[in-house]
N, C-alpha and C. Protein backbone atom coordinates (compact mmCIF):
# COMPACT_ATOMS: atom_id res chain seq x y z
N MET A 1 -19.23 -26.21 5.53
CA MET A 1 -18.59 -27.17 5.41
C MET A 1 -17.33 -26.17 6.37
N ARG A 2 -16.89 -25.38 6.31
CA ARG A 2 -16.03 -24.20 6.60
C ARG A 2 -16.58 -23.73 8.16
N LEU A 3 -17.63 -23.33 8.06
CA LEU A 3 -18.09 -23.06 9.65
C LEU A 3 -18.13 -24.56 10.70
N THR A 4 -18.26 -25.35 10.26
CA THR A 4 -18.21 -26.72 10.68
C THR A 4 -16.89 -27.01 11.35
N VAL A 5 -15.54 -26.76 10.56
CA VAL A 5 -14.06 -27.02 11.21
C VAL A 5 -14.19 -25.67 11.98
N LEU A 6 -14.59 -24.73 11.63
CA LEU A 6 -14.11 -23.25 12.54
C LEU A 6 -14.57 -23.62 13.61
N PHE A 7 -15.79 -24.24 13.89
CA PHE A 7 -16.72 -24.22 15.30
C PHE A 7 -16.10 -25.32 15.60
N LEU A 8 -15.46 -26.62 15.30
CA LEU A 8 -15.41 -27.74 16.06
C LEU A 8 -13.38 -27.32 16.41
N ILE A 9 -12.92 -26.02 15.73
CA ILE A 9 -11.47 -26.45 16.16
C ILE A 9 -11.95 -25.18 17.51
N ALA A 10 -12.77 -24.30 17.36
CA ALA A 10 -13.07 -23.26 18.92
C ALA A 10 -13.53 -24.19 19.86
N LEU A 11 -14.55 -25.56 19.03
CA LEU A 11 -14.48 -26.40 20.52
C LEU A 11 -13.35 -27.22 21.40
N GLY A 12 -12.34 -26.95 20.33
CA GLY A 12 -11.42 -28.02 20.90
C GLY A 12 -10.42 -27.41 21.73
N VAL A 13 -10.40 -25.76 21.01
CA VAL A 13 -9.68 -24.62 22.46
C VAL A 13 -10.34 -24.27 23.71
N THR A 14 -11.62 -24.16 23.27
CA THR A 14 -12.13 -24.06 24.92
C THR A 14 -11.86 -24.99 25.46
N VAL A 15 -12.51 -26.48 24.94
CA VAL A 15 -12.12 -27.79 26.08
C VAL A 15 -10.75 -27.71 26.44
N ALA A 16 -9.57 -27.58 25.54
CA ALA A 16 -8.24 -27.55 26.02
C ALA A 16 -7.80 -26.44 27.21
N LYS A 17 -8.62 -25.65 27.29
CA LYS A 17 -8.30 -24.38 28.25
C LYS A 17 -9.01 -25.02 29.34
N ASN A 18 -10.51 -25.45 29.56
CA ASN A 18 -11.33 -25.85 30.59
C ASN A 18 -10.33 -27.28 31.05
N ASP A 19 -10.00 -27.55 30.12
CA ASP A 19 -9.12 -29.14 30.94
C ASP A 19 -7.80 -28.64 31.74
N ALA A 20 -7.05 -27.39 31.42
CA ALA A 20 -5.91 -27.27 32.57
C ALA A 20 -6.27 -26.57 33.73
N ILE A 21 -7.75 -25.75 33.98
CA ILE A 21 -8.25 -25.63 35.20
C ILE A 21 -7.97 -27.15 36.25
N THR A 22 -9.33 -27.73 34.95
CA THR A 22 -10.25 -29.19 35.62
C THR A 22 -8.95 -29.92 36.01
N ASN A 23 -7.53 -29.82 35.63
CA ASN A 23 -6.80 -30.89 36.13
C ASN A 23 -5.66 -30.43 37.11
N VAL A 24 -6.22 -29.25 37.36
CA VAL A 24 -5.26 -28.82 38.43
C VAL A 24 -6.22 -28.60 39.86
N LYS A 25 -7.63 -28.88 39.64
CA LYS A 25 -8.36 -28.74 40.66
C LYS A 25 -7.85 -30.00 41.89
N GLY A 26 -8.49 -30.16 42.96
CA GLY A 26 -8.25 -31.20 43.70
C GLY A 26 -6.74 -30.88 44.71
N LEU A 27 -6.53 -31.99 45.76
CA LEU A 27 -5.85 -31.93 46.93
C LEU A 27 -4.60 -32.28 46.60
N TRP A 28 -3.22 -31.24 46.59
CA TRP A 28 -1.73 -32.01 45.96
C TRP A 28 -1.14 -31.89 47.29
N VAL A 29 -0.18 -32.72 47.71
CA VAL A 29 0.75 -32.56 48.78
C VAL A 29 2.23 -32.35 48.16
N ALA A 30 2.98 -31.60 48.71
CA ALA A 30 4.38 -31.83 47.96
C ALA A 30 5.45 -32.76 48.67
N VAL A 31 6.35 -33.07 47.51
CA VAL A 31 6.77 -34.23 47.63
C VAL A 31 8.23 -33.21 48.15
N ILE A 32 8.38 -33.14 49.16
CA ILE A 32 9.64 -32.21 49.54
C ILE A 32 10.98 -32.56 49.25
N ASP A 33 11.60 -33.70 49.30
CA ASP A 33 12.51 -34.02 48.71
C ASP A 33 12.71 -33.41 47.39
N ARG A 34 11.63 -33.65 46.36
CA ARG A 34 12.39 -32.61 45.11
C ARG A 34 12.02 -31.45 44.98
N CYS A 35 11.52 -31.15 45.87
CA CYS A 35 11.40 -29.61 45.37
C CYS A 35 12.58 -28.53 46.10
N ASP A 36 12.80 -27.55 45.30
CA ASP A 36 13.79 -26.15 45.50
C ASP A 36 13.28 -24.95 45.85
N PHE A 37 13.08 -25.14 47.50
CA PHE A 37 12.79 -23.82 47.89
C PHE A 37 13.60 -22.30 48.05
N GLY A 38 14.46 -22.39 47.18
CA GLY A 38 15.45 -20.94 47.02
C GLY A 38 15.83 -20.89 48.50
N THR A 39 15.90 -19.90 48.59
CA THR A 39 16.44 -19.10 50.29
C THR A 39 15.13 -19.44 51.41
N ALA A 40 14.38 -20.22 50.89
CA ALA A 40 13.44 -20.32 52.19
C ALA A 40 13.23 -21.73 52.85
N PRO A 41 12.91 -21.63 54.22
CA PRO A 41 13.17 -22.64 54.96
C PRO A 41 12.09 -23.66 54.07
N ARG A 42 12.95 -24.88 54.52
CA ARG A 42 12.16 -26.14 53.95
C ARG A 42 10.65 -26.57 54.95
N PRO A 43 10.02 -26.82 54.46
CA PRO A 43 8.87 -26.79 55.19
C PRO A 43 8.44 -27.92 55.70
N LEU A 44 8.42 -29.11 56.39
CA LEU A 44 7.85 -30.31 56.90
C LEU A 44 6.79 -30.89 55.75
N LEU A 45 5.34 -29.94 56.01
CA LEU A 45 4.55 -30.31 54.82
C LEU A 45 4.63 -29.08 53.97
N LEU A 46 3.56 -29.26 52.89
CA LEU A 46 3.21 -28.38 51.56
C LEU A 46 2.17 -28.97 51.06
N ALA A 47 1.00 -28.18 51.46
CA ALA A 47 -0.39 -28.81 50.65
C ALA A 47 -1.25 -28.06 49.81
N LEU A 48 -1.93 -28.06 48.98
CA LEU A 48 -2.58 -27.13 48.45
C LEU A 48 -4.02 -28.14 48.14
N ASP A 49 -5.02 -27.11 48.30
CA ASP A 49 -6.30 -27.52 48.01
C ASP A 49 -6.80 -26.68 47.27
N VAL A 50 -7.32 -26.93 45.44
CA VAL A 50 -7.39 -26.14 44.45
C VAL A 50 -8.97 -26.43 44.68
N THR A 51 -9.89 -25.45 43.88
CA THR A 51 -11.18 -25.26 43.63
C THR A 51 -11.56 -24.35 42.89
N LYS A 52 -12.47 -24.65 42.13
CA LYS A 52 -12.84 -23.47 40.94
C LYS A 52 -14.89 -22.93 41.13
N SER A 53 -14.98 -22.74 41.37
CA SER A 53 -16.34 -22.16 40.91
C SER A 53 -16.39 -20.80 40.06
N ALA A 54 -17.34 -20.93 39.06
CA ALA A 54 -17.98 -19.93 38.11
C ALA A 54 -16.17 -19.10 37.49
N ASP A 55 -15.59 -18.23 37.55
CA ASP A 55 -14.79 -17.82 37.14
C ASP A 55 -13.34 -17.63 37.90
N ARG A 56 -14.22 -18.41 38.99
CA ARG A 56 -12.90 -18.13 40.11
C ARG A 56 -11.91 -19.18 40.34
N LEU A 57 -10.63 -19.41 40.48
CA LEU A 57 -9.60 -20.33 41.07
C LEU A 57 -9.33 -20.21 42.61
N LYS A 58 -9.77 -20.93 43.39
CA LYS A 58 -9.35 -20.62 44.92
C LYS A 58 -8.02 -21.70 45.43
N VAL A 59 -7.14 -21.16 45.92
CA VAL A 59 -6.05 -22.32 46.43
C VAL A 59 -5.70 -21.47 48.21
N ILE A 60 -6.01 -22.77 48.68
CA ILE A 60 -5.91 -22.65 50.24
C ILE A 60 -4.36 -23.76 50.07
N GLU A 61 -3.46 -22.76 50.54
CA GLU A 61 -1.40 -23.63 50.81
C GLU A 61 -1.76 -23.73 52.14
N LEU A 62 -1.40 -24.41 52.39
CA LEU A 62 -0.88 -25.46 53.83
C LEU A 62 0.52 -25.72 54.03
N SER A 63 1.22 -24.24 55.10
CA SER A 63 2.75 -25.72 55.54
C SER A 63 2.77 -25.49 56.63
N ASN A 64 3.80 -26.32 57.12
CA ASN A 64 3.78 -26.78 58.56
C ASN A 64 5.46 -26.69 58.40
N GLY A 65 5.87 -25.76 58.96
CA GLY A 65 7.28 -26.26 58.91
C GLY A 65 7.87 -25.71 60.49
N GLU A 66 8.47 -24.29 60.31
CA GLU A 66 8.92 -23.93 61.77
C GLU A 66 7.71 -23.09 62.74
N GLY A 67 6.35 -23.32 62.03
CA GLY A 67 5.09 -22.82 62.53
C GLY A 67 4.08 -23.02 61.28
N ALA A 68 2.96 -23.30 61.95
CA ALA A 68 1.96 -23.51 60.63
C ALA A 68 1.49 -22.31 60.10
N ASP A 69 1.18 -22.55 58.70
CA ASP A 69 0.79 -21.22 58.17
C ASP A 69 -0.21 -21.83 57.28
N LEU A 70 -1.52 -21.20 56.73
CA LEU A 70 -2.37 -21.07 56.14
C LEU A 70 -2.48 -20.10 55.37
N ALA A 71 -2.90 -20.06 54.00
CA ALA A 71 -2.63 -19.00 53.17
C ALA A 71 -4.07 -19.22 51.99
N GLU A 72 -5.01 -18.23 51.91
CA GLU A 72 -5.84 -18.78 50.64
C GLU A 72 -5.71 -17.73 49.70
N ARG A 73 -5.96 -17.78 48.35
CA ARG A 73 -5.46 -17.04 47.25
C ARG A 73 -6.57 -17.23 46.19
N GLN A 74 -7.46 -16.13 45.47
CA GLN A 74 -8.46 -16.29 45.06
C GLN A 74 -7.74 -15.83 43.26
N TYR A 75 -8.11 -16.59 42.01
CA TYR A 75 -7.73 -15.81 41.07
C TYR A 75 -9.03 -15.82 40.12
N VAL A 76 -8.83 -14.96 39.32
CA VAL A 76 -10.36 -14.74 38.22
C VAL A 76 -9.55 -15.40 37.15
N VAL A 77 -10.53 -16.47 36.62
CA VAL A 77 -9.74 -17.37 35.20
C VAL A 77 -10.17 -16.65 34.22
N GLY A 78 -9.43 -16.35 33.40
CA GLY A 78 -9.30 -15.77 31.80
C GLY A 78 -10.49 -14.18 31.53
N ARG A 79 -10.01 -13.31 31.93
CA ARG A 79 -10.82 -12.36 31.76
C ARG A 79 -9.90 -11.23 30.97
N GLY A 80 -9.23 -11.53 30.63
CA GLY A 80 -8.07 -10.92 30.18
C GLY A 80 -6.80 -10.01 31.23
N VAL A 81 -7.01 -8.98 30.77
CA VAL A 81 -5.88 -8.05 31.54
C VAL A 81 -6.80 -7.82 32.88
N LEU A 82 -6.44 -7.61 34.32
CA LEU A 82 -7.08 -7.45 35.19
C LEU A 82 -6.26 -6.37 36.61
N PRO A 83 -6.97 -5.51 37.22
CA PRO A 83 -6.10 -4.95 37.81
C PRO A 83 -5.63 -6.10 38.96
N ILE A 84 -4.43 -6.47 39.78
CA ILE A 84 -4.07 -7.41 40.48
C ILE A 84 -4.22 -6.49 41.89
N ARG A 85 -5.30 -7.10 42.80
CA ARG A 85 -5.16 -6.84 43.98
C ARG A 85 -4.52 -7.79 45.27
N SER A 86 -4.48 -7.19 46.27
CA SER A 86 -3.85 -7.92 47.32
C SER A 86 -4.62 -9.71 47.66
N ASP A 87 -5.76 -9.35 47.58
CA ASP A 87 -6.69 -10.56 47.67
C ASP A 87 -7.41 -10.95 46.31
N LEU A 88 -6.82 -10.47 45.15
CA LEU A 88 -7.51 -11.21 44.12
C LEU A 88 -6.47 -11.38 43.01
N GLY A 89 -6.29 -12.17 42.20
CA GLY A 89 -5.31 -12.22 41.31
C GLY A 89 -5.61 -12.63 39.72
N SER A 90 -4.85 -12.96 38.49
CA SER A 90 -5.55 -13.79 37.61
C SER A 90 -4.88 -15.11 37.46
N ALA A 91 -5.83 -15.87 36.87
CA ALA A 91 -5.31 -17.16 35.89
C ALA A 91 -5.63 -17.17 34.84
N LYS A 92 -4.53 -17.33 34.06
CA LYS A 92 -4.60 -17.46 32.66
C LYS A 92 -4.16 -18.91 32.09
N ILE A 93 -4.78 -19.25 31.12
CA ILE A 93 -4.55 -20.67 30.54
C ILE A 93 -3.49 -20.38 29.41
N ASN A 94 -2.35 -21.20 29.68
CA ASN A 94 -0.88 -20.67 28.64
C ASN A 94 -0.83 -22.11 28.01
N GLY A 95 -1.07 -22.74 26.96
CA GLY A 95 -1.54 -24.22 26.29
C GLY A 95 -2.29 -24.85 27.73
N ARG A 96 -1.13 -26.58 28.13
CA ARG A 96 -1.38 -26.90 28.87
C ARG A 96 -0.90 -26.31 30.36
N ALA A 97 -0.40 -25.25 30.64
CA ALA A 97 -0.31 -24.51 31.48
C ALA A 97 -1.00 -23.77 32.66
N VAL A 98 -0.84 -23.50 33.19
CA VAL A 98 -1.72 -22.25 33.90
C VAL A 98 -0.88 -21.45 34.73
N VAL A 99 -1.26 -19.94 34.66
CA VAL A 99 -0.46 -19.07 35.06
C VAL A 99 -1.15 -18.24 35.98
N LEU A 100 -0.63 -18.04 37.47
CA LEU A 100 -1.17 -17.60 38.37
C LEU A 100 -0.73 -16.56 38.78
N GLU A 101 -0.92 -15.46 38.75
CA GLU A 101 -0.56 -13.62 38.58
C GLU A 101 -1.24 -13.43 39.81
N SER A 102 -0.53 -12.80 41.31
CA SER A 102 -1.04 -12.10 42.34
C SER A 102 0.00 -11.00 42.39
N SER A 103 -0.31 -10.19 43.24
CA SER A 103 0.06 -9.12 43.73
C SER A 103 1.57 -9.85 44.20
N ASP A 104 1.61 -10.81 44.89
CA ASP A 104 3.38 -10.33 45.30
C ASP A 104 3.87 -11.73 45.13
N ARG A 105 3.34 -12.51 43.76
CA ARG A 105 3.75 -13.97 42.70
C ARG A 105 3.52 -13.85 41.86
N VAL A 106 4.16 -15.24 40.81
CA VAL A 106 3.97 -15.33 39.96
C VAL A 106 4.42 -16.50 39.45
N GLU A 107 2.85 -17.47 39.23
CA GLU A 107 3.10 -18.75 39.09
C GLU A 107 2.88 -19.69 37.99
N GLN A 108 3.58 -20.20 37.46
CA GLN A 108 3.16 -21.45 36.31
C GLN A 108 3.18 -23.07 36.46
N TRP A 109 1.76 -23.85 36.68
CA TRP A 109 1.29 -24.59 37.05
C TRP A 109 1.26 -25.45 36.20
N ARG A 110 1.87 -26.74 36.02
CA ARG A 110 2.12 -28.18 35.02
C ARG A 110 1.49 -29.31 34.97
N ILE A 111 0.72 -29.94 34.88
CA ILE A 111 0.10 -31.10 35.36
C ILE A 111 1.29 -32.54 34.04
N SER A 112 1.73 -33.30 35.19
CA SER A 112 2.63 -33.95 33.89
C SER A 112 1.55 -35.04 33.63
N GLU A 113 2.52 -35.50 32.44
CA GLU A 113 1.77 -36.17 31.23
C GLU A 113 0.83 -37.47 32.02
N ASP A 114 1.25 -37.90 32.63
CA ASP A 114 -0.04 -39.14 33.64
C ASP A 114 -1.02 -38.33 34.62
N GLY A 115 -1.07 -37.00 35.14
CA GLY A 115 -1.67 -36.37 35.87
C GLY A 115 -1.70 -36.32 37.01
N SER A 116 -0.56 -36.98 37.93
CA SER A 116 -0.36 -37.70 38.91
C SER A 116 0.41 -36.32 39.84
N GLU A 117 0.89 -35.64 38.50
CA GLU A 117 1.82 -34.58 38.99
C GLU A 117 1.63 -33.11 38.89
N LEU A 118 2.11 -32.12 39.99
CA LEU A 118 1.56 -30.43 39.64
C LEU A 118 3.01 -30.19 39.80
N ILE A 119 3.62 -29.51 38.59
CA ILE A 119 4.66 -28.66 38.75
C ILE A 119 4.35 -27.33 38.93
N VAL A 120 5.12 -26.52 39.84
CA VAL A 120 4.87 -25.42 40.09
C VAL A 120 6.35 -24.50 40.11
N SER A 121 6.23 -23.56 39.14
CA SER A 121 7.48 -22.90 39.29
C SER A 121 6.94 -21.40 39.91
N ARG A 122 7.35 -20.72 40.84
CA ARG A 122 6.69 -20.04 41.49
C ARG A 122 7.87 -18.84 41.69
N LEU A 123 7.47 -17.70 41.17
CA LEU A 123 8.27 -16.60 41.71
C LEU A 123 7.77 -16.15 42.59
N ILE A 124 8.63 -15.32 43.78
CA ILE A 124 8.00 -14.81 45.27
C ILE A 124 8.17 -13.23 44.24
N THR A 125 7.88 -12.25 44.67
CA THR A 125 8.16 -11.37 44.06
C THR A 125 8.67 -10.37 45.23
N ALA A 126 7.51 -10.32 46.30
CA ALA A 126 7.98 -9.43 47.69
C ALA A 126 9.56 -9.43 47.79
N LEU A 127 10.07 -8.82 48.57
CA LEU A 127 11.53 -8.72 48.42
C LEU A 127 11.88 -9.21 50.29
N PRO A 128 12.50 -10.20 50.05
CA PRO A 128 13.54 -10.61 49.26
C PRO A 128 12.62 -11.43 48.38
N ALA A 129 13.37 -10.99 46.73
CA ALA A 129 12.58 -12.10 45.68
C ALA A 129 13.08 -13.35 45.98
N ARG A 130 12.77 -14.31 45.10
CA ARG A 130 13.12 -15.66 45.27
C ARG A 130 12.38 -16.60 44.64
N GLN A 131 12.89 -17.50 43.88
CA GLN A 131 12.25 -18.69 43.04
C GLN A 131 12.20 -20.08 43.75
N GLN A 132 11.15 -20.74 43.36
CA GLN A 132 10.85 -21.98 44.02
C GLN A 132 10.28 -22.94 42.91
N THR A 133 10.59 -24.23 42.69
CA THR A 133 9.96 -24.75 42.07
C THR A 133 9.71 -26.07 42.85
N LEU A 134 8.30 -26.56 42.23
CA LEU A 134 7.51 -27.59 43.68
C LEU A 134 7.36 -28.39 43.23
N ILE A 135 7.21 -29.58 43.43
CA ILE A 135 6.64 -31.07 42.88
C ILE A 135 5.89 -31.46 44.06
N PHE A 136 4.52 -31.41 43.25
CA PHE A 136 3.37 -32.06 44.24
C PHE A 136 2.53 -33.12 43.73
N ARG A 137 2.14 -33.91 44.23
CA ARG A 137 1.31 -35.15 44.07
C ARG A 137 -0.30 -34.97 44.15
N ARG A 138 -0.88 -35.46 43.61
CA ARG A 138 -2.62 -35.90 43.86
C ARG A 138 -2.75 -36.53 44.84
N THR A 139 -3.96 -36.10 46.01
CA THR A 139 -3.42 -37.13 47.06
C THR A 139 -5.42 -36.82 47.57
N GLN A 140 -5.80 -37.89 48.37
CA GLN A 140 -7.14 -37.76 48.85
C GLN A 140 -7.40 -37.48 50.28
N SER A 141 -5.84 -37.22 51.01
CA SER A 141 -5.94 -36.33 52.24
C SER A 141 -4.59 -35.70 52.28
N ILE A 142 -4.54 -35.11 53.29
CA ILE A 142 -3.26 -34.52 53.76
C ILE A 142 -2.73 -35.18 55.21
N PRO A 143 -1.80 -35.89 55.12
CA PRO A 143 -1.33 -36.24 56.20
C PRO A 143 -1.29 -35.43 57.91
N GLU A 144 -1.89 -36.39 58.83
CA GLU A 144 -2.49 -35.41 59.91
C GLU A 144 -0.87 -35.19 60.93
N ASN A 145 -0.23 -36.82 60.95
CA ASN A 145 0.98 -36.21 61.93
C ASN A 145 2.29 -35.89 61.17
N VAL A 146 2.68 -34.93 60.69
CA VAL A 146 4.03 -34.43 60.53
C VAL A 146 5.26 -34.12 61.58
N SER A 147 6.40 -35.03 61.44
CA SER A 147 7.18 -34.99 62.98
C SER A 147 8.17 -34.47 62.33
N ARG A 148 9.25 -33.89 63.08
CA ARG A 148 10.44 -33.69 62.83
C ARG A 148 11.66 -34.76 62.41
């Protein structure tokens, strides 16, 4: 009986951890008017494409403001403490949140209760350091034309 209870508890923890990663996968577009970019310029468009394969989480970030910018970051999911390199960070599950850490930033991602929004608290550690709070909505496609 005790083994069954322990197994069910372990299974529940594993499912909850996998759900945190599963829930952030997909295409997300920022609600620019609800975002706080700190001292950084406000873009016209900010989008994330998040995929997971094996033990990696891949984040492609598209920003369109003064110029178009495309960044790809990869994170190793849940392997304890890893050396952080410029091309690879770590992803840890903290309850319903996912904490992403790379050489130039630390981010905490949370999904809204209804699953429609991704709230990102971002600390960019590269100088000048800056804090951002970004609100994204799940979407099926990125808007093609964004004008000033």
